[in-house]
Every structure is written in structure tokens, then in C-alpha cells.
C-alpha atoms as a PDB file:
ATOM      1  CA  UNK A   1     163.458 141.544 243.588  1.00  0.00           C
ATOM      2  CA  UNK A   2     163.569 139.163 246.488  1.00  0.00           C
ATOM      3  CA  UNK A   3     160.432 137.518 247.804  1.00  0.00           C
ATOM      4  CA  UNK A   4     158.319 137.965 244.687  1.00  0.00           C
ATOM      5  CA  UNK A   5     156.805 134.918 242.999  1.00  0.00           C
ATOM      6  CA  UNK A   6     157.671 134.249 239.378  1.00  0.00           C
ATOM      7  CA  UNK A   7     155.419 136.290 237.132  1.00  0.00           C
ATOM      8  CA  UNK A   8     155.516 135.992 233.352  1.00  0.00           C
ATOM      9  CA  UNK A   9     153.668 139.312 233.090  1.00  0.00           C
ATOM     10  CA  UNK A  10     156.412 141.093 235.053  1.00  0.00           C
ATOM     11  CA  UNK A  11     159.115 139.540 232.864  1.00  0.00           C
ATOM     12  CA  UNK A  12     157.183 140.497 229.711  1.00  0.00           C
ATOM     13  CA  UNK A  13     156.737 144.065 230.948  1.00  0.00           C
ATOM     14  CA  UNK A  14     160.382 144.535 231.876  1.00  0.00           C
ATOM     15  CA  UNK A  15     161.519 143.252 228.483  1.00  0.00           C
ATOM     16  CA  UNK A  16     159.032 145.469 226.666  1.00  0.00           C
ATOM     17  CA  UNK A  17     159.728 148.577 228.750  1.00  0.00           C
ATOM     18  CA  UNK A  18     163.464 148.259 228.106  1.00  0.00           C
ATOM     19  CA  UNK A  19     162.996 148.500 224.330  1.00  0.00           C
ATOM     20  CA  UNK A  20     163.850 151.738 222.571  1.00  0.00           C
ATOM     21  CA  UNK A  21     161.177 154.428 222.860  1.00  0.00           C
ATOM     22  CA  UNK A  22     158.765 152.431 225.029  1.00  0.00           C
ATOM     23  CA  UNK A  23     159.408 154.197 228.332  1.00  0.00           C
ATOM     24  CA  UNK A  24     159.034 157.620 226.697  1.00  0.00           C
ATOM     25  CA  UNK A  25     155.808 156.544 224.964  1.00  0.00           C
ATOM     26  CA  UNK A  26     154.378 155.032 228.155  1.00  0.00           C
ATOM     27  CA  UNK A  27     155.177 158.067 230.290  1.00  0.00           C
ATOM     28  CA  UNK A  28     153.703 160.367 227.653  1.00  0.00           C
ATOM     29  CA  UNK A  29     150.504 158.306 227.565  1.00  0.00           C
ATOM     30  CA  UNK A  30     150.374 158.299 231.355  1.00  0.00           C
ATOM     31  CA  UNK A  31     150.702 162.073 231.488  1.00  0.00           C
ATOM     32  CA  UNK A  32     148.418 162.920 228.556  1.00  0.00           C
ATOM     33  CA  UNK A  33     145.631 160.332 228.876  1.00  0.00           C
ATOM     34  CA  UNK A  34     145.927 158.974 232.397  1.00  0.00           C
ATOM     35  CA  UNK A  35     146.922 155.565 231.042  1.00  0.00           C
ATOM     36  CA  UNK A  36     148.094 153.128 233.706  1.00  0.00           C
ATOM     37  CA  UNK A  37     151.204 151.671 232.090  1.00  0.00           C
ATOM     38  CA  UNK A  38     150.628 148.353 233.862  1.00  0.00           C
ATOM     39  CA  UNK A  39     147.128 148.063 232.394  1.00  0.00           C
ATOM     40  CA  UNK A  40     148.423 148.996 228.932  1.00  0.00           C
ATOM     41  CA  UNK A  41     151.083 146.279 229.163  1.00  0.00           C
ATOM     42  CA  UNK A  42     148.465 143.886 230.569  1.00  0.00           C
ATOM     43  CA  UNK A  43     146.429 144.404 227.373  1.00  0.00           C
ATOM     44  CA  UNK A  44     149.456 143.366 225.319  1.00  0.00           C
ATOM     45  CA  UNK A  45     150.513 140.540 227.640  1.00  0.00           C
ATOM     46  CA  UNK A  46     147.064 138.923 227.558  1.00  0.00           C
ATOM     47  CA  UNK A  47     147.277 138.846 223.758  1.00  0.00           C
ATOM     48  CA  UNK A  48     150.848 137.523 223.793  1.00  0.00           C
ATOM     49  CA  UNK A  49     149.726 134.700 226.060  1.00  0.00           C
ATOM     50  CA  UNK A  50     147.055 133.696 223.544  1.00  0.00           C
ATOM     51  CA  UNK A  51     143.987 135.020 225.348  1.00  0.00           C
ATOM     52  CA  UNK A  52     141.095 136.226 223.194  1.00  0.00           C
ATOM     53  CA  UNK A  53     140.188 139.936 223.247  1.00  0.00           C
ATOM     54  CA  UNK A  54     139.441 141.039 226.796  1.00  0.00           C
ATOM     55  CA  UNK A  55     136.706 143.579 226.087  1.00  0.00           C
ATOM     56  CA  UNK A  56     135.734 146.562 228.191  1.00  0.00           C
ATOM     57  CA  UNK A  57     134.076 144.525 230.964  1.00  0.00           C
ATOM     58  CA  UNK A  58     137.151 142.396 231.655  1.00  0.00           C
ATOM     59  CA  UNK A  59     139.454 145.407 231.460  1.00  0.00           C
ATOM     60  CA  UNK A  60     137.135 147.311 233.796  1.00  0.00           C
ATOM     61  CA  UNK A  61     137.279 144.414 236.290  1.00  0.00           C
ATOM     62  CA  UNK A  62     141.073 144.344 236.022  1.00  0.00           C
ATOM     63  CA  UNK A  63     141.250 148.083 236.688  1.00  0.00           C
ATOM     64  CA  UNK A  64     138.903 147.705 239.641  1.00  0.00           C
ATOM     65  CA  UNK A  65     141.106 144.944 241.074  1.00  0.00           C
ATOM     66  CA  UNK A  66     144.079 147.313 241.311  1.00  0.00           C
ATOM     67  CA  UNK A  67     142.265 150.599 241.928  1.00  0.00           C
ATOM     68  CA  UNK A  68     142.882 151.030 245.648  1.00  0.00           C
ATOM     69  CA  UNK A  69     146.445 149.670 245.482  1.00  0.00           C
ATOM     70  CA  UNK A  70     147.267 152.006 242.599  1.00  0.00           C
ATOM     71  CA  UNK A  71     145.663 155.058 244.188  1.00  0.00           C
ATOM     72  CA  UNK A  72     146.806 154.575 247.777  1.00  0.00           C
ATOM     73  CA  UNK A  73     150.254 153.088 247.202  1.00  0.00           C
ATOM     74  CA  UNK A  74     151.678 153.435 243.683  1.00  0.00           C
ATOM     75  CA  UNK A  75     150.465 156.957 242.956  1.00  0.00           C
ATOM     76  CA  UNK A  76     151.426 158.167 246.436  1.00  0.00           C
ATOM     77  CA  UNK A  77     154.974 156.834 246.038  1.00  0.00           C
ATOM     78  CA  UNK A  78     155.175 158.357 242.560  1.00  0.00           C
ATOM     79  CA  UNK A  79     154.134 161.724 244.035  1.00  0.00           C
ATOM     80  CA  UNK A  80     156.834 161.474 246.722  1.00  0.00           C
ATOM     81  CA  UNK A  81     159.469 160.483 244.151  1.00  0.00           C
ATOM     82  CA  UNK A  82     158.427 163.350 241.873  1.00  0.00           C
ATOM     83  CA  UNK A  83     158.562 165.796 244.784  1.00  0.00           C
ATOM     84  CA  UNK A  84     162.091 164.668 245.543  1.00  0.00           C
ATOM     85  CA  UNK A  85     163.108 166.030 242.112  1.00  0.00           C
ATOM     86  CA  UNK A  86     162.469 169.552 243.425  1.00  0.00           C
ATOM     87  CA  UNK A  87     165.378 171.392 244.987  1.00  0.00           C
ATOM     88  CA  UNK A  88     165.026 171.675 248.749  1.00  0.00           C
ATOM     89  CA  UNK A  89     167.300 174.534 249.721  1.00  0.00           C
ATOM     90  CA  UNK A  90     168.452 173.229 253.095  1.00  0.00           C
ATOM     91  CA  UNK A  91     168.429 169.511 252.283  1.00  0.00           C
ATOM     92  CA  UNK A  92     171.705 167.886 251.220  1.00  0.00           C
ATOM     93  CA  UNK A  93     171.391 167.194 247.491  1.00  0.00           C
ATOM     94  CA  UNK A  94     173.165 163.831 247.632  1.00  0.00           C
ATOM     95  CA  UNK A  95     170.924 162.593 250.445  1.00  0.00           C
ATOM     96  CA  UNK A  96     167.765 163.696 248.608  1.00  0.00           C
ATOM     97  CA  UNK A  97     169.004 161.994 245.419  1.00  0.00           C
ATOM     98  CA  UNK A  98     169.624 158.767 247.357  1.00  0.00           C
ATOM     99  CA  UNK A  99     166.135 158.948 248.874  1.00  0.00           C
ATOM    100  CA  UNK A 100     164.666 159.473 245.428  1.00  0.00           C
ATOM    101  CA  UNK A 101     166.481 156.379 244.144  1.00  0.00           C
ATOM    102  CA  UNK A 102     165.216 154.310 247.083  1.00  0.00           C
ATOM    103  CA  UNK A 103     161.701 155.625 246.527  1.00  0.00           C
ATOM    104  CA  UNK A 104     161.925 154.624 242.850  1.00  0.00           C
ATOM    105  CA  UNK A 105     162.953 151.106 243.858  1.00  0.00           C
ATOM    106  CA  UNK A 106     160.025 150.866 246.273  1.00  0.00           C
ATOM    107  CA  UNK A 107     157.651 152.272 243.639  1.00  0.00           C
ATOM    108  CA  UNK A 108     158.792 149.603 241.153  1.00  0.00           C
ATOM    109  CA  UNK A 109     158.278 146.881 243.743  1.00  0.00           C
ATOM    110  CA  UNK A 110     154.756 148.184 244.347  1.00  0.00           C
ATOM    111  CA  UNK A 111     154.126 148.196 240.602  1.00  0.00           C
ATOM    112  CA  UNK A 112     155.299 144.580 240.623  1.00  0.00           C
ATOM    113  CA  UNK A 113     152.564 143.830 243.183  1.00  0.00           C
ATOM    114  CA  UNK A 114     150.064 145.615 240.923  1.00  0.00           C
ATOM    115  CA  UNK A 115     151.128 143.369 238.069  1.00  0.00           C
ATOM    116  CA  UNK A 116     150.682 140.264 240.234  1.00  0.00           C
ATOM    117  CA  UNK A 117     147.122 141.407 240.926  1.00  0.00           C
ATOM    118  CA  UNK A 118     146.478 142.034 237.223  1.00  0.00           C
ATOM    119  CA  UNK A 119     148.000 138.715 236.153  1.00  0.00           C
ATOM    120  CA  UNK A 120     145.620 136.924 238.502  1.00  0.00           C
ATOM    121  CA  UNK A 121     142.715 138.361 236.474  1.00  0.00           C
ATOM    122  CA  UNK A 122     143.565 136.143 233.494  1.00  0.00           C
ATOM    123  CA  UNK A 123     142.382 132.543 233.313  1.00  0.00           C
ATOM    124  CA  UNK A 124     145.290 130.171 233.903  1.00  0.00           C
ATOM    125  CA  UNK A 125     144.871 128.551 230.490  1.00  0.00           C
ATOM    126  CA  UNK A 126     144.464 130.831 227.482  1.00  0.00           C
ATOM    127  CA  UNK A 127     142.120 130.036 224.633  1.00  0.00           C
ATOM    128  CA  UNK A 128     144.290 128.062 222.263  1.00  0.00           C
ATOM    129  CA  UNK A 129     142.238 129.244 219.298  1.00  0.00           C
ATOM    130  CA  UNK A 130     144.177 132.536 219.207  1.00  0.00           C
ATOM    131  CA  UNK A 131     147.155 131.802 216.981  1.00  0.00           C
ATOM    132  CA  UNK A 132     150.378 133.859 217.148  1.00  0.00           C
ATOM    133  CA  UNK A 133     149.613 135.743 213.929  1.00  0.00           C
ATOM    134  CA  UNK A 134     146.379 137.021 215.522  1.00  0.00           C
ATOM    135  CA  UNK A 135     147.980 138.167 218.766  1.00  0.00           C
ATOM    136  CA  UNK A 136     148.974 141.682 217.593  1.00  0.00           C
ATOM    137  CA  UNK A 137     145.385 142.313 216.466  1.00  0.00           C
ATOM    138  CA  UNK A 138     144.081 141.071 219.810  1.00  0.00           C
ATOM    139  CA  UNK A 139     146.496 143.435 221.573  1.00  0.00           C
ATOM    140  CA  UNK A 140     145.188 146.327 219.466  1.00  0.00           C
ATOM    141  CA  UNK A 141     141.595 145.346 220.296  1.00  0.00           C
ATOM    142  CA  UNK A 142     142.483 145.231 223.999  1.00  0.00           C
ATOM    143  CA  UNK A 143     144.111 148.666 223.839  1.00  0.00           C
ATOM    144  CA  UNK A 144     141.081 150.105 222.050  1.00  0.00           C
ATOM    145  CA  UNK A 145     138.818 148.571 224.726  1.00  0.00           C
ATOM    146  CA  UNK A 146     141.043 150.120 227.415  1.00  0.00           C
ATOM    147  CA  UNK A 147     140.675 153.531 225.762  1.00  0.00           C
ATOM    148  CA  UNK A 148     136.910 152.940 225.824  1.00  0.00           C
ATOM    149  CA  UNK A 149     136.950 152.191 229.542  1.00  0.00           C
ATOM    150  CA  UNK A 150     138.910 155.388 230.141  1.00  0.00           C
ATOM    151  CA  UNK A 151     136.651 157.322 227.774  1.00  0.00           C
ATOM    152  CA  UNK A 152     139.910 158.691 226.406  1.00  0.00           C
ATOM    153  CA  UNK A 153     140.112 160.774 223.264  1.00  0.00           C
ATOM    154  CA  UNK A 154     143.619 160.114 221.997  1.00  0.00           C
ATOM    155  CA  UNK A 155     145.398 162.539 219.737  1.00  0.00           C
ATOM    156  CA  UNK A 156     147.731 161.538 216.931  1.00  0.00           C
ATOM    157  CA  UNK A 157     150.766 161.401 219.255  1.00  0.00           C
ATOM    158  CA  UNK A 158     148.843 159.109 221.607  1.00  0.00           C
ATOM    159  CA  UNK A 159     147.881 156.742 218.790  1.00  0.00           C
ATOM    160  CA  UNK A 160     151.472 156.733 217.548  1.00  0.00           C
ATOM    161  CA  UNK A 161     152.744 155.961 221.058  1.00  0.00           C
ATOM    162  CA  UNK A 162     150.175 153.205 221.586  1.00  0.00           C
ATOM    163  CA  UNK A 163     151.072 151.682 218.230  1.00  0.00           C
ATOM    164  CA  UNK A 164     154.748 151.854 219.153  1.00  0.00           C
ATOM    165  CA  UNK A 165     154.150 150.022 222.432  1.00  0.00           C
ATOM    166  CA  UNK A 166     152.187 147.284 220.667  1.00  0.00           C
ATOM    167  CA  UNK A 167     154.922 147.036 218.038  1.00  0.00           C
ATOM    168  CA  UNK A 168     157.516 146.647 220.811  1.00  0.00           C
ATOM    169  CA  UNK A 169     155.528 143.622 221.992  1.00  0.00           C
ATOM    170  CA  UNK A 170     154.854 142.224 218.516  1.00  0.00           C
ATOM    171  CA  UNK A 171     157.531 143.075 215.957  1.00  0.00           C
ATOM    172  CA  UNK A 172     155.263 142.316 212.996  1.00  0.00           C
ATOM    173  CA  UNK A 173     152.560 144.758 214.173  1.00  0.00           C
ATOM    174  CA  UNK A 174     151.952 147.674 211.839  1.00  0.00           C
ATOM    175  CA  UNK A 175     151.135 150.741 213.981  1.00  0.00           C
ATOM    176  CA  UNK A 176     149.036 152.140 211.129  1.00  0.00           C
ATOM    177  CA  UNK A 177     146.534 149.346 211.829  1.00  0.00           C
ATOM    178  CA  UNK A 178     145.806 150.929 215.196  1.00  0.00           C
ATOM    179  CA  UNK A 179     145.714 154.396 213.637  1.00  0.00           C
ATOM    180  CA  UNK A 180     143.068 153.180 211.192  1.00  0.00           C
ATOM    181  CA  UNK A 181     140.921 151.832 214.061  1.00  0.00           C
ATOM    182  CA  UNK A 182     141.094 154.755 216.490  1.00  0.00           C
ATOM    183  CA  UNK A 183     139.290 157.993 215.763  1.00  0.00           C
ATOM    184  CA  UNK A 184     141.585 160.937 216.269  1.00  0.00           C
ATOM    185  CA  UNK A 185     139.808 164.281 216.722  1.00  0.00           C
ATOM    186  CA  UNK A 186     140.624 166.775 214.000  1.00  0.00           C
ATOM    187  CA  UNK A 187     142.327 169.863 215.263  1.00  0.00           C
END
């Protein structure tokens, strides 16, 4: 995308999102729990960069920093793009499909801006005391803190999807670690 500054978080997110099963997991979490995929990936990115656990306060501040942009821009574009999936009897299908594609491109560019805002919430220099072997656990702690901010009650599928996203970021992460830390309501 032209005109955007380099952003390690964006690069990290694109690489992660392109891995098998991640997009499906993220969209499911977005639909079921109201997870903002950018914030979820931010939780993992902060850990991958060697930052200590963020905690609910820092995650809450990060969410607040993007709240109006997400609500007024990203979600509105997503709603337009989703509406363009519907058949409009008198509208030429090819033209509507092209508009939907252009809307998707614009939505992604706006998500890129959201990620720039989120990335600015991290200190420039991470705490070097977090060693690579600890990073998956920090990511899990960040995700659990994010669930706390949302006051989300994840089901088993949600925990599996969250564990899968963390594992896509950290190959040596065992998703059962997250499952053991998150209470799943019994059905």
C-alpha cells in the first residue's frame, strides 16, 4: 500500500493472517465474541516483540486509542462491503462485485491505519527480560487480559480458535495451555 510508513506490526499481522486456518478463526472470534482482530494480533505482536504482559489497563488504553476510528471508519466500511454481498436486483452484478472489491481494499487500508495507531501504544524499546521462550506465554496472558477487558465468556470453539491464532504466531505454543487457563462455561 502506497504512502504507509513501515510497520512491523502490519507485516507480522499479514504473515500471521495468511497462515492456514487463521482467517477463519479470527472471523469466527469477531462474529461470536466481538473480538477486534487487530487487537487480538496486537496482543500477540507485543509478545513477539519482547514486551512484558500488557495487562487489562494497557489493552484498555489501546482499545480506547482506536475506538472512534474503528467504529466510524472500519466498521462502517465493513458494513458497506457486507451489504454489497446481497443481490441488488437492478444493479449490474459485475459492477457491484467490483465495488465490493474496492471497498475491501479501502477497508484493509483503514485497518492498516488502525494498526499504526495500536503500534504507537507500545514503548519503542521492549523489555529485554522477556526471552523468546517466554513470548508464547506472554501472548496467552495478553489474550486472556483482552478477554477480561471485553468481559467475554468464550466457549470451547473460541478457546480453540484463540489457541490456534497464538500457535500461528508461535509455532511451539501448545493451545492446550490456553485452554487450561481460560474458564469455559459448561453447557
